[in-house]
C-alpha atoms as a PDB file:
ATOM      1  CA  MET A   1      -7.714  25.740 170.987  1.00  0.00           C
ATOM      2  CA  PHE A   2     -11.466  26.102 170.934  1.00  0.00           C
ATOM      3  CA  LEU A   3     -13.091  28.736 168.753  1.00  0.00           C
ATOM      4  CA  SER A   4     -14.465  31.730 170.630  1.00  0.00           C
ATOM      5  CA  PHE A   5     -17.850  31.898 168.852  1.00  0.00           C
ATOM      6  CA  TYR A   6     -19.208  28.806 170.606  1.00  0.00           C
ATOM      7  CA  LYS A   7     -21.842  29.452 173.257  1.00  0.00           C
ATOM      8  CA  THR A   8     -20.294  29.029 176.689  1.00  0.00           C
ATOM      9  CA  TYR A   9     -21.792  28.122 180.060  1.00  0.00           C
ATOM     10  CA  MET A  10     -20.704  28.828 183.620  1.00  0.00           C
ATOM     11  CA  ILE A  11     -21.345  26.344 186.416  1.00  0.00           C
ATOM     12  CA  ASN A  12     -19.926  25.505 189.795  1.00  0.00           C
ATOM     13  CA  TYR A  13     -18.268  22.084 189.519  1.00  0.00           C
ATOM     14  CA  HIS A  14     -18.404  21.405 193.281  1.00  0.00           C
ATOM     15  CA  LYS A  15     -19.668  17.841 193.917  1.00  0.00           C
ATOM     16  CA  LYS A  16     -20.358  17.201 190.214  1.00  0.00           C
ATOM     17  CA  LYS A  17     -19.528  13.832 188.654  1.00  0.00           C
ATOM     18  CA  PHE A  18     -18.739  13.060 185.032  1.00  0.00           C
ATOM     19  CA  ARG A  19     -17.821   9.885 183.133  1.00  0.00           C
ATOM     20  CA  GLY A  20     -15.906   9.182 179.959  1.00  0.00           C
ATOM     21  CA  TYR A  21     -18.171   9.734 176.958  1.00  0.00           C
ATOM     22  CA  GLU A  22     -16.601   9.822 173.496  1.00  0.00           C
ATOM     23  CA  ASN A  23     -13.457   9.992 171.371  1.00  0.00           C
ATOM     24  CA  TYR A  24     -11.413   7.899 173.748  1.00  0.00           C
ATOM     25  CA  ASP A  25      -8.673   5.917 172.065  1.00  0.00           C
ATOM     26  CA  ASP A  26      -7.603   2.453 173.124  1.00  0.00           C
ATOM     27  CA  GLY A  27      -5.584   3.850 176.040  1.00  0.00           C
ATOM     28  CA  ASP A  28      -6.433   4.145 179.738  1.00  0.00           C
ATOM     29  CA  PHE A  29      -9.477   6.429 179.381  1.00  0.00           C
ATOM     30  CA  ASP A  30     -12.839   4.947 178.459  1.00  0.00           C
ATOM     31  CA  GLN A  31     -16.454   5.091 179.636  1.00  0.00           C
ATOM     32  CA  SER A  32     -15.525   3.394 182.923  1.00  0.00           C
ATOM     33  CA  VAL A  33     -13.611   6.487 184.091  1.00  0.00           C
ATOM     34  CA  ILE A  34     -15.478   8.516 186.723  1.00  0.00           C
ATOM     35  CA  PHE A  35     -14.424  12.108 187.431  1.00  0.00           C
ATOM     36  CA  GLU A  36     -15.381  13.719 190.769  1.00  0.00           C
ATOM     37  CA  PHE A  37     -15.046  17.508 190.994  1.00  0.00           C
ATOM     38  CA  ASP A  38     -14.617  19.902 193.912  1.00  0.00           C
ATOM     39  CA  GLN A  39     -14.513  23.660 193.469  1.00  0.00           C
ATOM     40  CA  LYS A  40     -13.708  26.592 195.732  1.00  0.00           C
ATOM     41  CA  GLU A  41     -13.960  29.975 194.035  1.00  0.00           C
ATOM     42  CA  ASP A  42     -12.241  29.482 190.647  1.00  0.00           C
ATOM     43  CA  VAL A  43     -10.004  26.596 191.784  1.00  0.00           C
ATOM     44  CA  VAL A  44     -11.054  23.087 190.790  1.00  0.00           C
ATOM     45  CA  LYS A  45      -9.796  19.729 192.084  1.00  0.00           C
ATOM     46  CA  ILE A  46     -10.574  16.550 190.154  1.00  0.00           C
ATOM     47  CA  ARG A  47     -10.250  12.922 191.263  1.00  0.00           C
ATOM     48  CA  PHE A  48     -10.717  10.139 188.724  1.00  0.00           C
ATOM     49  CA  ILE A  49     -10.601   6.343 188.615  1.00  0.00           C
ATOM     50  CA  GLY A  50     -11.585   3.685 186.084  1.00  0.00           C
ATOM     51  CA  ASP A  51     -11.006   0.159 184.866  1.00  0.00           C
ATOM     52  CA  ASN A  52      -7.507   1.077 183.650  1.00  0.00           C
ATOM     53  CA  ILE A  53      -6.761   3.911 186.112  1.00  0.00           C
ATOM     54  CA  THR A  54      -5.861   3.218 189.732  1.00  0.00           C
ATOM     55  CA  LEU A  55      -5.937   6.889 190.753  1.00  0.00           C
ATOM     56  CA  GLY A  56      -5.871  10.215 188.958  1.00  0.00           C
ATOM     57  CA  ILE A  57      -5.776  13.756 190.298  1.00  0.00           C
ATOM     58  CA  GLY A  58      -6.191  17.063 188.501  1.00  0.00           C
ATOM     59  CA  ILE A  59      -5.906  20.635 189.697  1.00  0.00           C
ATOM     60  CA  GLY A  60      -6.922  23.652 187.714  1.00  0.00           C
ATOM     61  CA  LYS A  61      -9.089  26.697 187.423  1.00  0.00           C
ATOM     62  CA  VAL A  62     -12.162  28.029 185.702  1.00  0.00           C
ATOM     63  CA  VAL A  63     -11.030  30.695 183.267  1.00  0.00           C
ATOM     64  CA  LYS A  64     -12.603  33.296 180.991  1.00  0.00           C
ATOM     65  CA  ASN A  65     -15.873  32.353 179.280  1.00  0.00           C
ATOM     66  CA  GLY A  66     -16.431  29.235 181.390  1.00  0.00           C
ATOM     67  CA  PHE A  67     -13.454  27.279 180.119  1.00  0.00           C
ATOM     68  CA  LEU A  68     -11.769  24.892 182.536  1.00  0.00           C
ATOM     69  CA  THR A  69      -8.036  24.269 182.360  1.00  0.00           C
ATOM     70  CA  TYR A  70      -6.150  21.800 184.536  1.00  0.00           C
ATOM     71  CA  THR A  71      -3.046  19.684 184.862  1.00  0.00           C
ATOM     72  CA  TYR A  72      -3.349  16.025 185.767  1.00  0.00           C
ATOM     73  CA  GLN A  73      -1.412  13.002 186.907  1.00  0.00           C
ATOM     74  CA  TYR A  74      -2.577   9.438 187.115  1.00  0.00           C
ATOM     75  CA  ILE A  75      -1.313   5.952 187.797  1.00  0.00           C
ATOM     76  CA  SER A  76      -2.550   3.282 185.403  1.00  0.00           C
ATOM     77  CA  LYS A  77      -3.514  -0.228 186.503  1.00  0.00           C
ATOM     78  CA  ASN A  78      -0.099  -1.418 185.283  1.00  0.00           C
ATOM     79  CA  LEU A  79       1.466   1.201 187.630  1.00  0.00           C
ATOM     80  CA  ASN A  80       2.684   3.594 184.924  1.00  0.00           C
ATOM     81  CA  LEU A  81       2.760   7.275 185.904  1.00  0.00           C
ATOM     82  CA  ASN A  82       1.220   9.655 183.360  1.00  0.00           C
ATOM     83  CA  CYS A  83       0.817  13.442 183.334  1.00  0.00           C
ATOM     84  CA  GLY A  84      -0.496  16.181 181.096  1.00  0.00           C
ATOM     85  CA  ILE A  85      -2.674  19.247 180.661  1.00  0.00           C
ATOM     86  CA  CYS A  86      -6.288  19.643 179.571  1.00  0.00           C
ATOM     87  CA  MET A  87      -8.427  22.557 178.325  1.00  0.00           C
ATOM     88  CA  CYS A  88     -12.196  22.022 178.451  1.00  0.00           C
ATOM     89  CA  ARG A  89     -15.219  23.806 177.038  1.00  0.00           C
ATOM     90  CA  LEU A  90     -18.518  23.236 178.848  1.00  0.00           C
ATOM     91  CA  ASN A  91     -21.568  22.432 176.727  1.00  0.00           C
ATOM     92  CA  LEU A  92     -25.167  21.537 177.473  1.00  0.00           C
ATOM     93  CA  THR A  93     -26.578  18.427 175.758  1.00  0.00           C
ATOM     94  CA  GLU A  94     -30.076  18.201 174.286  1.00  0.00           C
ATOM     95  CA  ASN A  95     -31.222  16.221 177.339  1.00  0.00           C
ATOM     96  CA  GLY A  96     -29.902  18.837 179.797  1.00  0.00           C
ATOM     97  CA  LEU A  97     -26.639  17.198 180.885  1.00  0.00           C
ATOM     98  CA  TYR A  98     -23.366  19.082 181.040  1.00  0.00           C
ATOM     99  CA  LYS A  99     -20.628  17.817 178.736  1.00  0.00           C
ATOM    100  CA  LEU A 100     -16.989  18.878 178.790  1.00  0.00           C
ATOM    101  CA  ASP A 101     -15.285  18.831 175.394  1.00  0.00           C
ATOM    102  CA  GLU A 102     -11.602  18.336 176.113  1.00  0.00           C
ATOM    103  CA  GLU A 103      -8.428  19.148 174.264  1.00  0.00           C
ATOM    104  CA  TRP A 104      -5.533  17.442 176.053  1.00  0.00           C
ATOM    105  CA  GLU A 105      -1.824  16.884 175.800  1.00  0.00           C
ATOM    106  CA  THR A 106       0.257  14.330 177.669  1.00  0.00           C
ATOM    107  CA  PHE A 107       3.881  15.023 178.551  1.00  0.00           C
ATOM    108  CA  PHE A 108       4.956  11.808 180.246  1.00  0.00           C
ATOM    109  CA  PRO A 109       5.669   9.035 179.461  1.00  0.00           C
ATOM    110  CA  LEU A 110       4.763   9.836 175.824  1.00  0.00           C
ATOM    111  CA  LYS A 111       4.035  13.203 174.262  1.00  0.00           C
ATOM    112  CA  GLN A 112       0.583  12.984 172.636  1.00  0.00           C
ATOM    113  CA  LYS A 113      -2.349  15.279 171.833  1.00  0.00           C
ATOM    114  CA  GLY A 114      -5.997  14.460 171.470  1.00  0.00           C
ATOM    115  CA  ASN A 115      -9.647  15.349 171.960  1.00  0.00           C
ATOM    116  CA  SER A 116     -12.281  13.668 174.053  1.00  0.00           C
ATOM    117  CA  SER A 117     -15.375  14.474 176.082  1.00  0.00           C
ATOM    118  CA  ILE A 118     -16.875  13.587 179.424  1.00  0.00           C
ATOM    119  CA  ILE A 119     -20.547  13.843 180.392  1.00  0.00           C
ATOM    120  CA  GLU A 120     -22.292  14.656 183.666  1.00  0.00           C
ATOM    121  CA  ILE A 121     -23.639  11.848 185.837  1.00  0.00           C
ATOM    122  CA  LEU A 122     -26.848  12.753 187.625  1.00  0.00           C
ATOM    123  CA  LYS A 123     -27.158  11.632 191.242  1.00  0.00           C
END
């Protein structure tokens, strides 16, 4: 998991949008994936789609020190069902955009672990 000495930020994710940014492998997630967030209190709902993702949904919560943790399911363009869990640390880029550094693990259909990041899309 992420080291505790990193500077953390707290934001409300309601109506925020992010896109795939870096460290994506050759799987379903890439820079075409758009993540739309809704938040009520500490509960967060995420909807995502992309070139290789028909529909994805995540549900989670904002936890201590601004971390975001959620479970997700998505259906790929080839109609495979996938699910996993993700822990995110919020960072602020040099140009003022929020970036979520993610540590994820898939459980189905394959068990895998990895790291990636998504970056805020300004309206």
